[in-house]
Structures are given as C-alpha cells and as structure tokens.
Amino acid sequence: GLALSIPIIMWGSNLIARLLDRLPWLVYVGAAILGFTG
C-alpha cells in the first residue's frame, strides 16, 4: 500500500498542477474535494 501510493501521488500531483495552469477554475473543484475530505 505504501509503495503503490508513491506513483499515484507523484503522477497525480503533476497532472493536477498542469490542469490548474490551463483551467484555473478547477481550483474550486480541488478546494471542494479537500473540504469534503476534511
């Protein structure tokens, strides 16, 4: 489980950062996801 989380987090973080560059409104989606997780 620990090993599997490494590529998921690294690849996912990079993809999301690039998406936010192109589609800034997605920051609200990200904030909603973090709020839901909280």
All heavy atoms as atom14 arrays in JSON, in Angstrom:
{
  "sequence": "GLALSIPIIMWGSNLIARLLDRLPWLVYVGAAILGFTG",
  "atom14_mask": [
    [1, 1, 1, 1, 0, 0, 0, 0, 0, 0, 0, 0, 0, 0],
    [1, 1, 1, 1, 1, 1, 1, 1, 0, 0, 0, 0, 0, 0],
    [1, 1, 1, 1, 1, 0, 0, 0, 0, 0, 0, 0, 0, 0],
    [1, 1, 1, 1, 1, 1, 1, 1, 0, 0, 0, 0, 0, 0],
    [1, 1, 1, 1, 1, 1, 0, 0, 0, 0, 0, 0, 0, 0],
    [1, 1, 1, 1, 1, 1, 1, 1, 0, 0, 0, 0, 0, 0],
    [1, 1, 1, 1, 1, 1, 1, 0, 0, 0, 0, 0, 0, 0],
    [1, 1, 1, 1, 1, 1, 1, 1, 0, 0, 0, 0, 0, 0],
    [1, 1, 1, 1, 1, 1, 1, 1, 0, 0, 0, 0, 0, 0],
    [1, 1, 1, 1, 1, 1, 1, 1, 0, 0, 0, 0, 0, 0],
    [1, 1, 1, 1, 1, 1, 1, 1, 1, 1, 1, 1, 1, 1],
    [1, 1, 1, 1, 0, 0, 0, 0, 0, 0, 0, 0, 0, 0],
    [1, 1, 1, 1, 1, 1, 0, 0, 0, 0, 0, 0, 0, 0],
    [1, 1, 1, 1, 1, 1, 1, 1, 0, 0, 0, 0, 0, 0],
    [1, 1, 1, 1, 1, 1, 1, 1, 0, 0, 0, 0, 0, 0],
    [1, 1, 1, 1, 1, 1, 1, 1, 0, 0, 0, 0, 0, 0],
    [1, 1, 1, 1, 1, 0, 0, 0, 0, 0, 0, 0, 0, 0],
    [1, 1, 1, 1, 1, 1, 1, 1, 1, 1, 1, 0, 0, 0],
    [1, 1, 1, 1, 1, 1, 1, 1, 0, 0, 0, 0, 0, 0],
    [1, 1, 1, 1, 1, 1, 1, 1, 0, 0, 0, 0, 0, 0],
    [1, 1, 1, 1, 1, 1, 1, 1, 0, 0, 0, 0, 0, 0],
    [1, 1, 1, 1, 1, 1, 1, 1, 1, 1, 1, 0, 0, 0],
    [1, 1, 1, 1, 1, 1, 1, 1, 0, 0, 0, 0, 0, 0],
    [1, 1, 1, 1, 1, 1, 1, 0, 0, 0, 0, 0, 0, 0],
    [1, 1, 1, 1, 1, 1, 1, 1, 1, 1, 1, 1, 1, 1],
    [1, 1, 1, 1, 1, 1, 1, 1, 0, 0, 0, 0, 0, 0],
    [1, 1, 1, 1, 1, 1, 1, 0, 0, 0, 0, 0, 0, 0],
    [1, 1, 1, 1, 1, 1, 1, 1, 1, 1, 1, 1, 0, 0],
    [1, 1, 1, 1, 1, 1, 1, 0, 0, 0, 0, 0, 0, 0],
    [1, 1, 1, 1, 0, 0, 0, 0, 0, 0, 0, 0, 0, 0],
    [1, 1, 1, 1, 1, 0, 0, 0, 0, 0, 0, 0, 0, 0],
    [1, 1, 1, 1, 1, 0, 0, 0, 0, 0, 0, 0, 0, 0],
    [1, 1, 1, 1, 1, 1, 1, 1, 0, 0, 0, 0, 0, 0],
    [1, 1, 1, 1, 1, 1, 1, 1, 0, 0, 0, 0, 0, 0],
    [1, 1, 1, 1, 0, 0, 0, 0, 0, 0, 0, 0, 0, 0],
    [1, 1, 1, 1, 1, 1, 1, 1, 1, 1, 1, 0, 0, 0],
    [1, 1, 1, 1, 1, 1, 1, 0, 0, 0, 0, 0, 0, 0],
    [1, 1, 1, 1, 0, 0, 0, 0, 0, 0, 0, 0, 0, 0]
  ],
  "atom14_positions": [
    [[0.82, -1.21, 0.0], [0.0, 0.0, 0.0], [0.85, 1.26, 0.0], [0.56, 2.22, -0.71], [0.0, 0.0, 0.0], [0.0, 0.0, 0.0], [0.0, 0.0, 0.0], [0.0, 0.0, 0.0], [0.0, 0.0, 0.0], [0.0, 0.0, 0.0], [0.0, 0.0, 0.0], [0.0, 0.0, 0.0], [0.0, 0.0, 0.0], [0.0, 0.0, 0.0]],
    [[1.92, 1.26, 0.8], [2.82, 2.41, 0.84], [3.52, 2.61, -0.5], [3.62, 3.74, -1.0], [3.86, 2.21, 1.94], [3.36, 2.28, 3.39], [4.47, 1.86, 4.34], [2.88, 3.68, 3.72], [0.0, 0.0, 0.0], [0.0, 0.0, 0.0], [0.0, 0.0, 0.0], [0.0, 0.0, 0.0], [0.0, 0.0, 0.0], [0.0, 0.0, 0.0]],
    [[4.01, 1.52, -1.1], [4.72, 1.62, -2.38], [3.8, 2.1, -3.49], [4.19, 2.91, -4.34], [5.33, 0.26, -2.74], [0.0, 0.0, 0.0], [0.0, 0.0, 0.0], [0.0, 0.0, 0.0], [0.0, 0.0, 0.0], [0.0, 0.0, 0.0], [0.0, 0.0, 0.0], [0.0, 0.0, 0.0], [0.0, 0.0, 0.0], [0.0, 0.0, 0.0]],
    [[2.57, 1.61, -3.49], [1.62, 1.97, -4.54], [1.25, 3.45, -4.48], [0.98, 4.08, -5.51], [0.36, 1.12, -4.41], [-0.75, 1.35, -5.45], [-0.24, 1.0, -6.86], [-1.99, 0.53, -5.11], [0.0, 0.0, 0.0], [0.0, 0.0, 0.0], [0.0, 0.0, 0.0], [0.0, 0.0, 0.0], [0.0, 0.0, 0.0], [0.0, 0.0, 0.0]],
    [[1.26, 4.02, -3.27], [0.85, 5.42, -3.13], [1.86, 6.38, -3.75], [1.49, 7.5, -4.12], [0.65, 5.76, -1.65], [1.87, 5.69, -0.94], [0.0, 0.0, 0.0], [0.0, 0.0, 0.0], [0.0, 0.0, 0.0], [0.0, 0.0, 0.0], [0.0, 0.0, 0.0], [0.0, 0.0, 0.0], [0.0, 0.0, 0.0], [0.0, 0.0, 0.0]],
    [[3.13, 5.96, -3.9], [4.16, 6.85, -4.43], [3.85, 7.3, -5.87], [3.75, 8.5, -6.14], [5.56, 6.21, -4.36], [5.94, 5.92, -2.91], [6.61, 7.13, -4.99], [7.24, 5.15, -2.75], [0.0, 0.0, 0.0], [0.0, 0.0, 0.0], [0.0, 0.0, 0.0], [0.0, 0.0, 0.0], [0.0, 0.0, 0.0], [0.0, 0.0, 0.0]],
    [[3.7, 6.36, -6.83], [3.41, 6.82, -8.19], [2.06, 7.51, -8.33], [1.91, 8.44, -9.14], [3.44, 5.52, -9.02], [3.21, 4.43, -8.04], [3.82, 4.9, -6.77], [0.0, 0.0, 0.0], [0.0, 0.0, 0.0], [0.0, 0.0, 0.0], [0.0, 0.0, 0.0], [0.0, 0.0, 0.0], [0.0, 0.0, 0.0], [0.0, 0.0, 0.0]],
    [[1.07, 7.09, -7.54], [-0.25, 7.72, -7.61], [-0.15, 9.19, -7.23], [-0.66, 10.09, -7.92], [-1.26, 7.0, -6.7], [-1.55, 5.6, -7.23], [-2.58, 7.8, -6.62], [-2.43, 4.76, -6.32], [0.0, 0.0, 0.0], [0.0, 0.0, 0.0], [0.0, 0.0, 0.0], [0.0, 0.0, 0.0], [0.0, 0.0, 0.0], [0.0, 0.0, 0.0]],
    [[0.54, 9.47, -6.11], [0.65, 10.84, -5.63], [1.5, 11.69, -6.58], [1.13, 12.8, -6.95], [1.24, 10.88, -4.21], [0.26, 10.24, -3.21], [1.54, 12.32, -3.78], [0.82, 10.1, -1.81], [0.0, 0.0, 0.0], [0.0, 0.0, 0.0], [0.0, 0.0, 0.0], [0.0, 0.0, 0.0], [0.0, 0.0, 0.0], [0.0, 0.0, 0.0]],
    [[2.67, 11.17, -7.01], [3.57, 11.95, -7.86], [2.96, 12.23, -9.23], [2.96, 13.36, -9.71], [4.91, 11.23, -8.0], [5.71, 11.2, -6.7], [7.4, 10.62, -6.92], [8.09, 11.95, -7.89], [0.0, 0.0, 0.0], [0.0, 0.0, 0.0], [0.0, 0.0, 0.0], [0.0, 0.0, 0.0], [0.0, 0.0, 0.0], [0.0, 0.0, 0.0]],
    [[2.42, 11.21, -9.87], [1.83, 11.39, -11.19], [0.58, 12.25, -11.09], [0.37, 13.17, -11.89], [1.48, 10.02, -11.8], [0.86, 10.14, -13.16], [1.49, 10.32, -14.35], [-0.55, 10.1, -13.46], [0.58, 10.38, -15.38], [-0.67, 10.26, -14.86], [-1.69, 9.94, -12.68], [-1.92, 10.26, -15.49], [-2.93, 9.96, -13.31], [-3.04, 10.11, -14.7]],
    [[-0.24, 11.98, -10.09], [-1.48, 12.74, -9.93], [-1.22, 14.2, -9.62], [-1.89, 15.09, -10.15], [0.0, 0.0, 0.0], [0.0, 0.0, 0.0], [0.0, 0.0, 0.0], [0.0, 0.0, 0.0], [0.0, 0.0, 0.0], [0.0, 0.0, 0.0], [0.0, 0.0, 0.0], [0.0, 0.0, 0.0], [0.0, 0.0, 0.0], [0.0, 0.0, 0.0]],
    [[-0.23, 14.49, -8.76], [0.09, 15.87, -8.4], [0.54, 16.66, -9.62], [0.11, 17.81, -9.83], [1.21, 15.9, -7.35], [0.84, 15.18, -6.21], [0.0, 0.0, 0.0], [0.0, 0.0, 0.0], [0.0, 0.0, 0.0], [0.0, 0.0, 0.0], [0.0, 0.0, 0.0], [0.0, 0.0, 0.0], [0.0, 0.0, 0.0], [0.0, 0.0, 0.0]],
    [[1.41, 16.06, -10.43], [1.92, 16.73, -11.61], [0.8, 17.01, -12.61], [0.7, 18.1, -13.19], [3.01, 15.87, -12.26], [3.8, 16.64, -13.3], [4.24, 17.76, -13.05], [3.96, 16.06, -14.46], [0.0, 0.0, 0.0], [0.0, 0.0, 0.0], [0.0, 0.0, 0.0], [0.0, 0.0, 0.0], [0.0, 0.0, 0.0], [0.0, 0.0, 0.0]],
    [[-0.08, 16.01, -12.8], [-1.21, 16.18, -13.73], [-2.13, 17.3, -13.26], [-2.55, 18.16, -14.05], [-1.98, 14.86, -13.84], [-3.28, 14.9, -14.66], [-2.97, 15.25, -16.12], [-4.02, 13.58, -14.57], [0.0, 0.0, 0.0], [0.0, 0.0, 0.0], [0.0, 0.0, 0.0], [0.0, 0.0, 0.0], [0.0, 0.0, 0.0], [0.0, 0.0, 0.0]],
    [[-2.46, 17.31, -11.98], [-3.37, 18.32, -11.43], [-2.76, 19.71, -11.51], [-3.45, 20.69, -11.85], [-3.76, 17.96, -9.99], [-4.67, 16.73, -10.0], [-4.45, 19.13, -9.29], [-4.84, 16.05, -8.67], [0.0, 0.0, 0.0], [0.0, 0.0, 0.0], [0.0, 0.0, 0.0], [0.0, 0.0, 0.0], [0.0, 0.0, 0.0], [0.0, 0.0, 0.0]],
    [[-1.46, 19.83, -11.22], [-0.79, 21.14, -11.31], [-0.87, 21.68, -12.74], [-1.11, 22.88, -12.94], [0.66, 21.01, -10.86], [0.0, 0.0, 0.0], [0.0, 0.0, 0.0], [0.0, 0.0, 0.0], [0.0, 0.0, 0.0], [0.0, 0.0, 0.0], [0.0, 0.0, 0.0], [0.0, 0.0, 0.0], [0.0, 0.0, 0.0], [0.0, 0.0, 0.0]],
    [[-0.68, 20.81, -13.72], [-0.74, 21.25, -15.13], [-2.17, 21.63, -15.53], [-2.39, 22.59, -16.28], [-0.2, 20.14, -16.04], [1.3, 19.91, -15.87], [1.84, 18.86, -16.82], [3.25, 18.61, -16.58], [4.24, 19.39, -17.01], [3.96, 20.46, -17.72], [5.49, 19.09, -16.75], [0.0, 0.0, 0.0], [0.0, 0.0, 0.0], [0.0, 0.0, 0.0]],
    [[-3.14, 20.87, -15.04], [-4.54, 21.19, -15.33], [-4.93, 22.54, -14.73], [-5.66, 23.32, -15.36], [-5.46, 20.09, -14.78], [-5.53, 18.79, -15.59], [-6.36, 17.75, -14.85], [-6.13, 19.04, -16.98], [0.0, 0.0, 0.0], [0.0, 0.0, 0.0], [0.0, 0.0, 0.0], [0.0, 0.0, 0.0], [0.0, 0.0, 0.0], [0.0, 0.0, 0.0]],
    [[-4.44, 22.82, -13.52], [-4.76, 24.09, -12.88], [-4.14, 25.27, -13.63], [-4.7, 26.38, -13.63], [-4.27, 24.09, -11.43], [-5.05, 23.18, -10.47], [-4.36, 23.12, -9.1], [-6.49, 23.67, -10.3], [0.0, 0.0, 0.0], [0.0, 0.0, 0.0], [0.0, 0.0, 0.0], [0.0, 0.0, 0.0], [0.0, 0.0, 0.0], [0.0, 0.0, 0.0]],
    [[-3.0, 25.05, -14.28], [-2.39, 26.09, -15.11], [-3.3, 26.45, -16.28], [-3.46, 27.61, -16.64], [-1.03, 25.62, -15.65], [0.05, 25.63, -14.58], [-0.15, 26.3, -13.55], [1.08, 24.97, -14.78], [0.0, 0.0, 0.0], [0.0, 0.0, 0.0], [0.0, 0.0, 0.0], [0.0, 0.0, 0.0], [0.0, 0.0, 0.0], [0.0, 0.0, 0.0]],
    [[-3.9, 25.42, -16.88], [-4.73, 25.62, -18.07], [-6.17, 25.99, -17.72], [-6.82, 26.74, -18.46], [-4.74, 24.34, -18.92], [-3.37, 23.96, -19.45], [-3.45, 22.73, -20.33], [-2.14, 22.32, -20.8], [-1.93, 21.3, -21.62], [-2.95, 20.57, -22.06], [-0.7, 20.99, -22.01], [0.0, 0.0, 0.0], [0.0, 0.0, 0.0], [0.0, 0.0, 0.0]],
    [[-6.68, 25.46, -16.62], [-8.07, 25.68, -16.23], [-8.1, 26.16, -14.78], [-8.38, 25.39, -13.86], [-8.88, 24.39, -16.38], [-8.86, 23.72, -17.77], [-9.46, 22.33, -17.71], [-9.61, 24.59, -18.78], [0.0, 0.0, 0.0], [0.0, 0.0, 0.0], [0.0, 0.0, 0.0], [0.0, 0.0, 0.0], [0.0, 0.0, 0.0], [0.0, 0.0, 0.0]],
    [[-7.83, 27.44, -14.54], [-7.73, 27.95, -13.16], [-8.98, 27.73, -12.31], [-8.89, 27.61, -11.09], [-7.47, 29.46, -13.37], [-6.88, 29.55, -14.74], [-7.54, 28.47, -15.54], [0.0, 0.0, 0.0], [0.0, 0.0, 0.0], [0.0, 0.0, 0.0], [0.0, 0.0, 0.0], [0.0, 0.0, 0.0], [0.0, 0.0, 0.0], [0.0, 0.0, 0.0]],
    [[-10.16, 27.66, -12.96], [-11.4, 27.48, -12.19], [-11.43, 26.12, -11.47], [-12.2, 25.93, -10.51], [-12.62, 27.61, -13.1], [-12.64, 26.66, -14.26], [-12.16, 26.91, -15.51], [-13.14, 25.32, -14.27], [-12.33, 25.81, -16.32], [-12.94, 24.82, -15.59], [-13.75, 24.5, -13.34], [-13.32, 23.53, -15.96], [-14.14, 23.23, -13.7], [-13.92, 22.75, -14.99]],
    [[-10.57, 25.18, -11.9], [-10.54, 23.87, -11.25], [-10.04, 23.96, -9.81], [-10.19, 23.01, -9.04], [-9.64, 22.91, -12.04], [-10.23, 22.32, -13.32], [-9.2, 21.44, -14.02], [-11.48, 21.5, -13.01], [0.0, 0.0, 0.0], [0.0, 0.0, 0.0], [0.0, 0.0, 0.0], [0.0, 0.0, 0.0], [0.0, 0.0, 0.0], [0.0, 0.0, 0.0]],
    [[-9.46, 25.11, -9.43], [-9.0, 25.28, -8.06], [-10.19, 25.18, -7.1], [-10.07, 24.7, -5.96], [-8.25, 26.62, -7.87], [-9.19, 27.8, -7.93], [-7.48, 26.62, -6.56], [0.0, 0.0, 0.0], [0.0, 0.0, 0.0], [0.0, 0.0, 0.0], [0.0, 0.0, 0.0], [0.0, 0.0, 0.0], [0.0, 0.0, 0.0], [0.0, 0.0, 0.0]],
    [[-11.37, 25.59, -7.57], [-12.57, 25.48, -6.73], [-12.99, 24.01, -6.57], [-13.47, 23.62, -5.51], [-13.72, 26.29, -7.35], [-13.53, 27.78, -7.2], [-13.01, 28.54, -8.25], [-13.85, 28.43, -6.02], [-12.81, 29.91, -8.11], [-13.67, 29.8, -5.87], [-13.14, 30.53, -6.92], [-12.94, 31.88, -6.78], [0.0, 0.0, 0.0], [0.0, 0.0, 0.0]],
    [[-12.8, 23.23, -7.63], [-13.1, 21.8, -7.54], [-12.14, 21.15, -6.54], [-12.55, 20.35, -5.69], [-12.97, 21.12, -8.92], [-13.22, 19.62, -8.81], [-13.95, 21.74, -9.91], [0.0, 0.0, 0.0], [0.0, 0.0, 0.0], [0.0, 0.0, 0.0], [0.0, 0.0, 0.0], [0.0, 0.0, 0.0], [0.0, 0.0, 0.0], [0.0, 0.0, 0.0]],
    [[-10.85, 21.51, -6.64], [-9.86, 20.96, -5.72], [-10.17, 21.34, -4.28], [-10.08, 20.52, -3.36], [0.0, 0.0, 0.0], [0.0, 0.0, 0.0], [0.0, 0.0, 0.0], [0.0, 0.0, 0.0], [0.0, 0.0, 0.0], [0.0, 0.0, 0.0], [0.0, 0.0, 0.0], [0.0, 0.0, 0.0], [0.0, 0.0, 0.0], [0.0, 0.0, 0.0]],
    [[-10.56, 22.61, -4.06], [-10.9, 23.07, -2.71], [-12.11, 22.3, -2.18], [-12.16, 21.95, -0.99], [-11.19, 24.57, -2.72], [0.0, 0.0, 0.0], [0.0, 0.0, 0.0], [0.0, 0.0, 0.0], [0.0, 0.0, 0.0], [0.0, 0.0, 0.0], [0.0, 0.0, 0.0], [0.0, 0.0, 0.0], [0.0, 0.0, 0.0], [0.0, 0.0, 0.0]],
    [[-13.09, 22.04, -3.06], [-14.27, 21.28, -2.64], [-13.9, 19.86, -2.25], [-14.41, 19.31, -1.26], [-15.31, 21.26, -3.77], [0.0, 0.0, 0.0], [0.0, 0.0, 0.0], [0.0, 0.0, 0.0], [0.0, 0.0, 0.0], [0.0, 0.0, 0.0], [0.0, 0.0, 0.0], [0.0, 0.0, 0.0], [0.0, 0.0, 0.0], [0.0, 0.0, 0.0]],
    [[-12.98, 19.24, -3.0], [-12.53, 17.88, -2.67], [-11.85, 17.85, -1.31], [-12.1, 16.97, -0.49], [-11.57, 17.36, -3.77], [-12.35, 17.11, -5.07], [-10.87, 16.07, -3.31], [-11.47, 16.78, -6.27], [0.0, 0.0, 0.0], [0.0, 0.0, 0.0], [0.0, 0.0, 0.0], [0.0, 0.0, 0.0], [0.0, 0.0, 0.0], [0.0, 0.0, 0.0]],
    [[-10.99, 18.85, -1.06], [-10.3, 18.91, 0.23], [-11.28, 19.19, 1.36], [-11.16, 18.65, 2.47], [-9.2, 19.97, 0.2], [-8.06, 19.73, -0.79], [-7.02, 20.84, -0.68], [-7.4, 18.38, -0.55], [0.0, 0.0, 0.0], [0.0, 0.0, 0.0], [0.0, 0.0, 0.0], [0.0, 0.0, 0.0], [0.0, 0.0, 0.0], [0.0, 0.0, 0.0]],
    [[-12.28, 20.05, 1.09], [-13.31, 20.33, 2.09], [-14.12, 19.09, 2.41], [-14.42, 18.81, 3.58], [0.0, 0.0, 0.0], [0.0, 0.0, 0.0], [0.0, 0.0, 0.0], [0.0, 0.0, 0.0], [0.0, 0.0, 0.0], [0.0, 0.0, 0.0], [0.0, 0.0, 0.0], [0.0, 0.0, 0.0], [0.0, 0.0, 0.0], [0.0, 0.0, 0.0]],
    [[-14.46, 18.32, 1.38], [-15.2, 17.07, 1.57], [-14.37, 16.08, 2.39], [-14.88, 15.42, 3.3], [-15.55, 16.47, 0.21], [-16.47, 15.29, 0.29], [-17.85, 15.46, 0.29], [-15.97, 13.99, 0.36], [-18.71, 14.36, 0.37], [-16.81, 12.89, 0.45], [-18.19, 13.08, 0.45], [0.0, 0.0, 0.0], [0.0, 0.0, 0.0], [0.0, 0.0, 0.0]],
    [[-13.07, 16.0, 2.08], [-12.18, 15.1, 2.82], [-12.08, 15.52, 4.28], [-12.08, 14.67, 5.18], [-10.78, 15.1, 2.19], [-10.88, 14.73, 0.8], [-9.85, 14.11, 2.9], [0.0, 0.0, 0.0], [0.0, 0.0, 0.0], [0.0, 0.0, 0.0], [0.0, 0.0, 0.0], [0.0, 0.0, 0.0], [0.0, 0.0, 0.0], [0.0, 0.0, 0.0]],
    [[-12.0, 16.83, 4.53], [-11.98, 17.32, 5.91], [-13.24, 16.93, 6.65], [-13.2, 16.51, 7.82], [0.0, 0.0, 0.0], [0.0, 0.0, 0.0], [0.0, 0.0, 0.0], [0.0, 0.0, 0.0], [0.0, 0.0, 0.0], [0.0, 0.0, 0.0], [0.0, 0.0, 0.0], [0.0, 0.0, 0.0], [0.0, 0.0, 0.0], [0.0, 0.0, 0.0]]
  ]
}
